[in-house]
Amino acid sequence: MADPAATPIPLLTDQLDIVIPTIRNLDFLEMWRPFFQHYHLIIVQDGDPSKVIKVPEGFDYELYNRNDINRILGPKASCISFKDSACRCFGYMVSKKKYIYTIDDDCFVAKDPSGKDINALQQHIKNLLCPSTPFFFNTLYDPYREGADFVRGYPFSLREGAPTAVSHGLWLNIPDYDAPTQLVKPRERNTRYVDAVLTIPKGTLFPMCGMNLAFDRELIGPAMYFGLMGDGQPIGRYDDMWAGWCIKVICDHLGYGVKTGLPYIWHSKASNPFVNLKKEYKGIYWQEELIPFFQSAVLPKECTTVQKCYIELSKQVKAKLGSLDDYFLKLADAMVTWVEAWDELNPSGADSAVAKGPGK
């Protein structure tokens, strides 16, 4: 367990919510108590809403199950996945805070090479509060970090950086592999701790994992939709991937940055590769079409808010991916429903904090 005496003063306690999707009791929070106890938790219960989820005492939290989602969103609840961790994005929608950190319930506190517990949340906050460098790659990685700077040849006009919208953390122990890789490397574990944070360059997509992820809800929240997955859908385990592709296109358009690297968590449990393959197999085929779609997606200059960008992207999904499978027609409609529901629950958010950042 982490040593409370070694825990620094928590940052942004009144500006950040921690969102956790789950189907089980949240005993794992005991390990995170020194780092999470000062923050508000939003727990999104998946599966049977009659099941009682136990939360350790002393945490400030609200818990939503499927009945709550249906009650709050009405017919628009159709855009929230069921029997899939994609349901977590409902927590993003009902939050009223500026920042979100989301973590899976099989993610434990990791240790750095010196043996010290890693405060993942604090590192995510540092990532979000420092600018990104999406327009020109700095070979010393994060130039704003202590002990680093911009290298020779880096344009001075770009050294102000761009606002950071997303901080994508990594995992020790069980890597985030797809089912085919799991099957051929069943014993592989990630033991490499790389002490670095990178800005993903503009124009470059990445596979976003939702189990150790933080973002600025005011900058990119309306695009952080985890799609239609799980029960009644032909695909699973692509919820965070879909959101990652969408947010990267939109961040590139609006001039925001996306970081990846630190912090690490300890991913404790490998999911069943045969179950995963059943969920993923269509996605494995489809992604060969989806990646070129997102790589070539262009948003018009009239798209000056995240909502406008996301609606435009949904139109392009319908027009260009609808012929791939009817699922994408449903998904495009759900993207619109998601934005409508977001704006109903966040009426001031429709026109706030989503103007273009620098570098555009």
Protein backbone atom coordinates (compact mmCIF):
# COMPACT_ATOMS: atom_id res chain seq x y z
CA MET A 1 0.00 0.00 0.00
CA ALA A 2 1.15 3.54 -0.75
CA ASP A 3 2.66 5.53 2.10
CA PRO A 4 0.32 8.47 2.91
CA ALA A 5 3.19 10.43 4.41
CA ALA A 6 4.97 10.35 1.05
CA THR A 7 1.91 11.55 -0.85
CA PRO A 8 2.20 15.16 -2.06
CA ILE A 9 -0.65 17.64 -1.68
CA PRO A 10 -3.35 16.51 -4.14
CA LEU A 11 -3.94 18.81 -7.10
CA LEU A 12 -7.25 19.93 -8.63
CA THR A 13 -9.36 18.12 -6.03
CA ASP A 14 -12.37 20.32 -6.85
CA GLN A 15 -11.78 20.24 -10.62
CA LEU A 16 -11.41 16.53 -11.40
CA ASP A 17 -13.68 13.48 -11.31
CA ILE A 18 -12.47 9.88 -11.37
CA VAL A 19 -14.70 7.67 -13.58
CA ILE A 20 -14.71 3.91 -12.99
CA PRO A 21 -16.78 1.37 -14.97
CA THR A 22 -17.38 -1.86 -13.09
CA ILE A 23 -19.43 -5.01 -12.59
CA ARG A 24 -17.90 -5.91 -9.21
CA ASN A 25 -17.12 -4.64 -5.72
CA LEU A 26 -14.46 -1.95 -5.77
CA ASP A 27 -12.01 -3.39 -3.27
CA PHE A 28 -9.16 -2.23 -5.52
CA LEU A 29 -9.81 1.33 -4.30
CA GLU A 30 -8.14 0.51 -0.98
CA MET A 31 -4.80 0.41 -2.77
CA TRP A 32 -5.53 3.77 -4.39
CA ARG A 33 -6.90 5.42 -1.24
CA PRO A 34 -3.86 7.68 -0.56
CA PHE A 35 -4.13 9.05 -4.10
CA PHE A 36 -7.90 9.03 -4.71
CA GLN A 37 -9.52 9.79 -1.36
CA HIS A 38 -9.61 13.57 -1.91
CA TYR A 39 -11.40 13.28 -5.25
CA HIS A 40 -15.00 12.68 -6.28
CA LEU A 41 -15.67 9.32 -7.94
CA ILE A 42 -18.26 8.58 -10.59
CA ILE A 43 -18.92 4.84 -10.73
CA VAL A 44 -20.77 3.49 -13.77
CA GLN A 45 -22.16 0.06 -12.99
CA ASP A 46 -22.47 -2.20 -16.00
CA GLY A 47 -24.62 -5.31 -16.27
CA ASP A 48 -27.40 -6.24 -13.84
CA PRO A 49 -28.63 -3.03 -12.17
CA SER A 50 -30.10 -4.99 -9.26
CA LYS A 51 -26.65 -6.15 -8.16
CA VAL A 52 -25.26 -4.18 -5.22
CA ILE A 53 -21.76 -2.83 -5.80
CA LYS A 54 -19.81 -2.32 -2.60
CA VAL A 55 -17.49 0.69 -2.33
CA PRO A 56 -14.98 0.98 0.52
CA GLU A 57 -15.90 3.51 3.20
CA GLY A 58 -14.48 7.00 3.11
CA PHE A 59 -14.78 7.71 -0.61
CA ASP A 60 -16.94 10.50 -2.01
CA TYR A 61 -18.82 8.93 -4.91
CA GLU A 62 -21.98 8.71 -6.95
CA LEU A 63 -22.99 5.45 -8.63
CA TYR A 64 -25.09 5.08 -11.76
CA ASN A 65 -26.53 1.80 -13.06
CA ARG A 66 -28.47 1.09 -16.25
CA ASN A 67 -31.76 2.16 -14.68
CA ASP A 68 -30.22 5.54 -13.82
CA ILE A 69 -28.85 5.95 -17.34
CA ASN A 70 -32.28 5.22 -18.82
CA ARG A 71 -33.96 7.60 -16.37
CA ILE A 72 -31.54 10.47 -17.00
CA LEU A 73 -31.19 10.16 -20.78
CA GLY A 74 -34.57 8.71 -21.73
CA PRO A 75 -34.60 7.55 -25.38
CA LYS A 76 -31.08 8.92 -25.85
CA ALA A 77 -29.80 6.21 -23.48
CA SER A 78 -29.55 4.06 -26.61
CA CYS A 79 -26.18 5.67 -27.32
CA ILE A 80 -24.65 4.25 -24.10
CA SER A 81 -23.27 0.73 -24.45
CA PHE A 82 -24.47 -2.12 -22.23
CA LYS A 83 -22.37 -5.06 -21.00
CA ASP A 84 -19.19 -3.32 -22.08
CA SER A 85 -16.80 -0.95 -20.35
CA ALA A 86 -17.72 1.61 -23.01
CA CYS A 87 -20.51 2.56 -20.59
CA ARG A 88 -17.86 4.63 -18.77
CA CYS A 89 -18.46 7.55 -21.11
CA PHE A 90 -21.79 8.17 -19.38
CA GLY A 91 -19.67 9.29 -16.43
CA TYR A 92 -17.92 11.81 -18.65
CA MET A 93 -21.28 13.21 -19.63
CA VAL A 94 -22.75 13.65 -16.13
CA SER A 95 -19.55 15.05 -14.60
CA LYS A 96 -19.46 18.78 -13.95
CA LYS A 97 -15.70 19.00 -13.52
CA LYS A 98 -13.05 20.32 -15.90
CA TYR A 99 -10.92 17.16 -15.87
CA ILE A 100 -11.61 13.43 -15.97
CA TYR A 101 -9.40 10.51 -14.98
CA THR A 102 -10.72 7.06 -15.87
CA ILE A 103 -9.27 3.78 -14.64
CA ASP A 104 -10.31 0.11 -14.81
CA ASP A 105 -10.94 -1.89 -11.65
CA ASP A 106 -8.15 -4.36 -12.45
CA CYS A 107 -5.53 -1.60 -12.49
CA PHE A 108 -3.40 -1.40 -9.37
CA VAL A 109 -0.73 0.99 -8.09
CA ALA A 110 2.55 0.36 -9.92
CA LYS A 111 6.06 0.97 -8.62
CA ASP A 112 8.79 2.94 -10.33
CA PRO A 113 12.29 1.43 -10.72
CA SER A 114 13.27 2.71 -7.25
CA GLY A 115 10.39 0.80 -5.69
CA LYS A 116 8.29 3.88 -4.94
CA ASP A 117 4.52 3.79 -5.49
CA ILE A 118 3.52 5.73 -8.61
CA ASN A 119 0.84 8.38 -8.12
CA ALA A 120 -0.66 7.97 -11.60
CA LEU A 121 -3.27 10.66 -11.09
CA GLN A 122 -0.72 13.30 -10.13
CA GLN A 123 1.36 12.56 -13.25
CA HIS A 124 -1.72 12.78 -15.48
CA ILE A 125 -2.52 16.17 -13.96
CA LYS A 126 1.03 17.36 -14.65
CA ASN A 127 0.67 16.17 -18.25
CA LEU A 128 -2.60 18.03 -18.71
CA LEU A 129 -1.43 21.26 -17.10
CA CYS A 130 1.71 21.47 -19.26
CA PRO A 131 1.52 22.34 -22.97
CA SER A 132 1.98 19.82 -25.76
CA THR A 133 4.15 20.04 -28.88
CA PRO A 134 2.09 18.48 -31.70
CA PHE A 135 3.42 20.66 -34.53
CA PHE A 136 7.14 19.90 -34.26
CA PHE A 137 8.77 16.90 -32.60
CA ASN A 138 11.24 17.60 -29.77
CA THR A 139 13.91 14.88 -29.68
CA LEU A 140 14.33 15.34 -25.90
CA TYR A 141 10.65 14.41 -25.54
CA ASP A 142 8.75 16.73 -23.18
CA PRO A 143 10.63 20.06 -23.27
CA TYR A 144 8.64 21.46 -20.32
CA ARG A 145 9.82 18.78 -17.93
CA GLU A 146 12.49 19.58 -15.36
CA GLY A 147 15.92 18.82 -16.77
CA ALA A 148 14.81 19.09 -20.40
CA ASP A 149 14.24 21.87 -22.92
CA PHE A 150 13.73 22.54 -26.60
CA VAL A 151 16.67 21.30 -28.63
CA ARG A 152 18.70 23.28 -31.14
CA GLY A 153 16.70 23.82 -34.31
CA TYR A 154 13.31 23.86 -32.62
CA PRO A 155 11.33 26.85 -33.96
CA PHE A 156 10.95 29.58 -31.36
CA SER A 157 7.53 30.43 -32.78
CA LEU A 158 6.24 27.02 -31.64
CA ARG A 159 7.80 26.90 -28.18
CA GLU A 160 4.67 28.18 -26.48
CA GLY A 161 3.14 24.81 -27.33
CA ALA A 162 -0.53 23.88 -27.52
CA PRO A 163 -3.14 23.13 -24.83
CA THR A 164 -3.06 19.49 -23.76
CA ALA A 165 -6.42 17.78 -24.18
CA VAL A 166 -5.52 14.14 -23.44
CA SER A 167 -3.00 12.31 -21.27
CA HIS A 168 -2.69 8.63 -22.21
CA GLY A 169 -0.98 6.48 -19.58
CA LEU A 170 0.60 3.04 -19.94
CA TRP A 171 0.70 -0.28 -18.07
CA LEU A 172 3.20 -2.57 -16.45
CA ASN A 173 2.64 -6.33 -16.24
CA ILE A 174 -0.24 -7.23 -18.62
CA PRO A 175 0.13 -5.25 -21.88
CA ASP A 176 -2.90 -4.01 -23.78
CA TYR A 177 -2.70 -6.57 -26.59
CA ASP A 178 -5.33 -7.71 -29.06
CA ALA A 179 -6.56 -11.30 -29.00
CA PRO A 180 -4.25 -12.71 -31.73
CA THR A 181 -1.19 -11.28 -29.97
CA GLN A 182 -2.45 -12.59 -26.62
CA LEU A 183 -2.79 -16.05 -28.13
CA VAL A 184 0.74 -16.20 -29.53
CA LYS A 185 2.34 -14.49 -26.51
CA PRO A 186 0.31 -15.73 -23.55
CA ARG A 187 3.11 -15.28 -21.03
CA GLU A 188 4.44 -11.95 -22.20
CA ARG A 189 4.57 -9.22 -19.56
CA ASN A 190 5.65 -5.62 -19.86
CA THR A 191 8.49 -4.97 -17.40
CA ARG A 192 9.97 -1.96 -19.22
CA TYR A 193 9.52 1.32 -17.38
CA VAL A 194 10.29 4.14 -19.82
CA ASP A 195 10.59 7.45 -18.02
CA ALA A 196 9.21 9.63 -20.80
CA VAL A 197 6.17 11.58 -21.94
CA LEU A 198 5.70 12.22 -25.67
CA THR A 199 3.35 14.44 -27.61
CA ILE A 200 1.82 12.45 -30.46
CA PRO A 201 2.55 14.50 -33.60
CA LYS A 202 -0.20 16.17 -35.57
CA GLY A 203 -1.45 13.88 -38.35
CA THR A 204 -0.49 10.71 -36.48
CA LEU A 205 -3.17 8.38 -35.10
CA PHE A 206 -2.62 6.13 -32.09
CA PRO A 207 -4.37 3.23 -30.34
CA MET A 208 -5.94 4.82 -27.27
CA CYS A 209 -6.47 2.58 -24.24
CA GLY A 210 -9.18 3.68 -21.81
CA MET A 211 -7.94 1.95 -18.66
CA ASN A 212 -5.45 4.65 -17.57
CA LEU A 213 -6.56 7.85 -19.27
CA ALA A 214 -7.09 11.49 -18.35
CA PHE A 215 -8.46 14.37 -20.37
CA ASP A 216 -9.59 17.97 -20.24
CA ARG A 217 -13.34 17.61 -20.39
CA GLU A 218 -13.86 21.24 -21.37
CA LEU A 219 -11.48 20.96 -24.31
CA ILE A 220 -12.41 17.55 -25.78
CA GLY A 221 -15.18 15.98 -23.65
CA PRO A 222 -17.98 16.00 -26.26
CA ALA A 223 -15.80 13.87 -28.57
CA MET A 224 -14.84 11.32 -25.90
CA TYR A 225 -17.61 8.94 -26.94
CA PHE A 226 -16.79 5.25 -26.62
CA GLY A 227 -19.23 4.16 -29.31
CA LEU A 228 -21.73 1.29 -29.52
CA MET A 229 -20.14 -1.86 -28.11
CA GLY A 230 -21.13 -4.98 -26.21
CA ASP A 231 -24.70 -6.25 -25.90
CA GLY A 232 -26.54 -6.27 -29.24
CA GLN A 233 -23.54 -4.97 -31.19
CA PRO A 234 -21.29 -6.88 -33.62
CA ILE A 235 -18.06 -5.63 -32.03
CA GLY A 236 -16.37 -5.06 -28.69
CA ARG A 237 -13.01 -3.89 -27.32
CA TYR A 238 -12.85 -1.08 -29.88
CA ASP A 239 -14.62 1.50 -27.72
CA ASP A 240 -11.51 3.36 -26.62
CA MET A 241 -9.91 2.87 -30.05
CA TRP A 242 -12.86 4.57 -31.75
CA ALA A 243 -12.79 7.44 -29.28
CA GLY A 244 -9.04 7.79 -29.73
CA TRP A 245 -9.25 8.06 -33.50
CA CYS A 246 -12.05 10.61 -33.27
CA ILE A 247 -10.41 12.79 -30.64
CA LYS A 248 -7.07 12.78 -32.47
CA VAL A 249 -8.61 14.03 -35.70
CA ILE A 250 -10.47 16.72 -33.78
CA CYS A 251 -7.48 17.71 -31.62
CA ASP A 252 -5.38 18.05 -34.77
CA HIS A 253 -8.05 20.28 -36.32
CA LEU A 254 -8.54 22.48 -33.26
CA GLY A 255 -4.86 22.73 -32.35
CA TYR A 256 -4.78 20.66 -29.16
CA GLY A 257 -2.18 18.17 -28.00
CA VAL A 258 -2.32 14.50 -26.98
CA LYS A 259 0.38 13.01 -24.75
CA THR A 260 1.34 9.40 -24.13
CA GLY A 261 3.83 7.69 -21.80
CA LEU A 262 3.94 8.25 -18.05
CA PRO A 263 2.19 7.41 -15.79
CA TYR A 264 2.20 3.63 -15.46
CA ILE A 265 -0.33 1.53 -13.61
CA TRP A 266 -0.03 -2.20 -12.79
CA HIS A 267 -2.49 -4.07 -15.01
CA SER A 268 -3.22 -7.11 -12.89
CA LYS A 269 -5.38 -9.40 -14.98
CA ALA A 270 -5.27 -10.67 -18.56
CA SER A 271 -8.70 -11.04 -20.13
CA ASN A 272 -9.61 -14.29 -21.92
CA PRO A 273 -8.09 -14.18 -25.43
CA PHE A 274 -10.78 -16.47 -26.90
CA VAL A 275 -13.56 -14.24 -25.57
CA ASN A 276 -11.62 -11.22 -26.80
CA LEU A 277 -11.23 -12.71 -30.27
CA LYS A 278 -14.98 -13.18 -30.54
CA LYS A 279 -15.46 -9.51 -29.64
CA GLU A 280 -12.64 -8.21 -31.82
CA TYR A 281 -12.66 -10.26 -34.99
CA LYS A 282 -14.79 -7.88 -37.06
CA GLY A 283 -12.83 -4.93 -35.77
CA ILE A 284 -9.58 -6.56 -36.80
CA TYR A 285 -10.87 -6.63 -40.38
CA TRP A 286 -12.64 -3.29 -40.22
CA GLN A 287 -9.72 -1.35 -38.81
CA GLU A 288 -7.87 -1.79 -42.10
CA GLU A 289 -10.61 0.42 -43.59
CA LEU A 290 -11.14 2.61 -40.52
CA ILE A 291 -7.54 3.76 -40.16
CA PRO A 292 -7.29 5.13 -43.73
CA PHE A 293 -10.67 6.80 -43.20
CA PHE A 294 -9.46 8.69 -40.15
CA GLN A 295 -6.06 9.40 -41.72
CA SER A 296 -7.75 11.13 -44.62
CA ALA A 297 -10.57 12.80 -42.68
CA VAL A 298 -10.63 16.58 -43.14
CA LEU A 299 -12.81 18.89 -41.07
CA PRO A 300 -13.89 22.20 -42.63
CA LYS A 301 -12.77 25.47 -41.04
CA GLU A 302 -16.40 26.16 -40.04
CA CYS A 303 -16.02 23.42 -37.44
CA THR A 304 -14.84 25.62 -34.56
CA THR A 305 -16.21 23.62 -31.63
CA VAL A 306 -15.79 20.00 -30.61
CA GLN A 307 -19.50 19.42 -31.11
CA LYS A 308 -19.44 20.77 -34.68
CA CYS A 309 -16.37 18.68 -35.42
CA TYR A 310 -17.99 15.55 -34.03
CA ILE A 311 -21.24 16.02 -35.95
CA GLU A 312 -19.24 16.55 -39.15
CA LEU A 313 -17.23 13.41 -38.42
CA SER A 314 -20.46 11.45 -37.91
CA LYS A 315 -21.65 12.56 -41.37
CA GLN A 316 -18.39 11.34 -42.89
CA VAL A 317 -18.69 8.03 -41.01
CA LYS A 318 -22.17 7.53 -42.47
CA ALA A 319 -21.13 8.55 -45.98
CA LYS A 320 -17.82 6.66 -46.21
CA LEU A 321 -18.14 3.73 -43.81
CA GLY A 322 -21.83 2.94 -44.15
CA SER A 323 -21.10 0.71 -47.13
CA LEU A 324 -18.62 -1.30 -45.03
CA ASP A 325 -21.35 -2.48 -42.68
CA ASP A 326 -24.75 -1.26 -41.49
CA TYR A 327 -23.23 -1.04 -38.03
CA PHE A 328 -21.54 2.21 -39.03
CA LEU A 329 -24.86 3.75 -40.00
CA LYS A 330 -26.08 2.97 -36.47
CA LEU A 331 -22.84 4.25 -34.98
CA ALA A 332 -23.03 7.52 -36.93
CA ASP A 333 -26.56 8.10 -35.62
CA ALA A 334 -25.41 7.26 -32.09
CA MET A 335 -22.61 9.84 -32.40
CA VAL A 336 -25.24 12.51 -33.08
CA THR A 337 -27.41 11.26 -30.21
CA TRP A 338 -24.39 11.39 -27.90
CA VAL A 339 -23.70 15.05 -28.74
CA GLU A 340 -27.36 15.95 -28.29
CA ALA A 341 -27.44 14.22 -24.90
CA TRP A 342 -24.16 15.87 -23.90
CA ASP A 343 -25.52 19.34 -24.71
CA GLU A 344 -28.75 18.66 -22.82
CA LEU A 345 -26.83 17.74 -19.67
CA ASN A 346 -24.18 20.43 -20.23
CA PRO A 347 -26.08 23.37 -21.75
CA SER A 348 -23.29 25.92 -21.22
CA GLY A 349 -20.74 23.50 -22.67
CA ALA A 350 -22.14 23.76 -26.18
CA ASP A 351 -20.37 27.05 -26.87
CA SER A 352 -17.69 27.21 -24.19
CA ALA A 353 -14.03 26.25 -24.05
CA VAL A 354 -13.92 24.67 -27.48
CA ALA A 355 -12.40 27.46 -29.53
CA LYS A 356 -9.27 26.78 -31.51
CA GLY A 357 -5.94 26.52 -29.73
CA PRO A 358 -2.65 27.96 -30.98
CA GLY A 359 -0.84 26.62 -33.97
CA LYS A 360 -3.78 26.79 -36.36
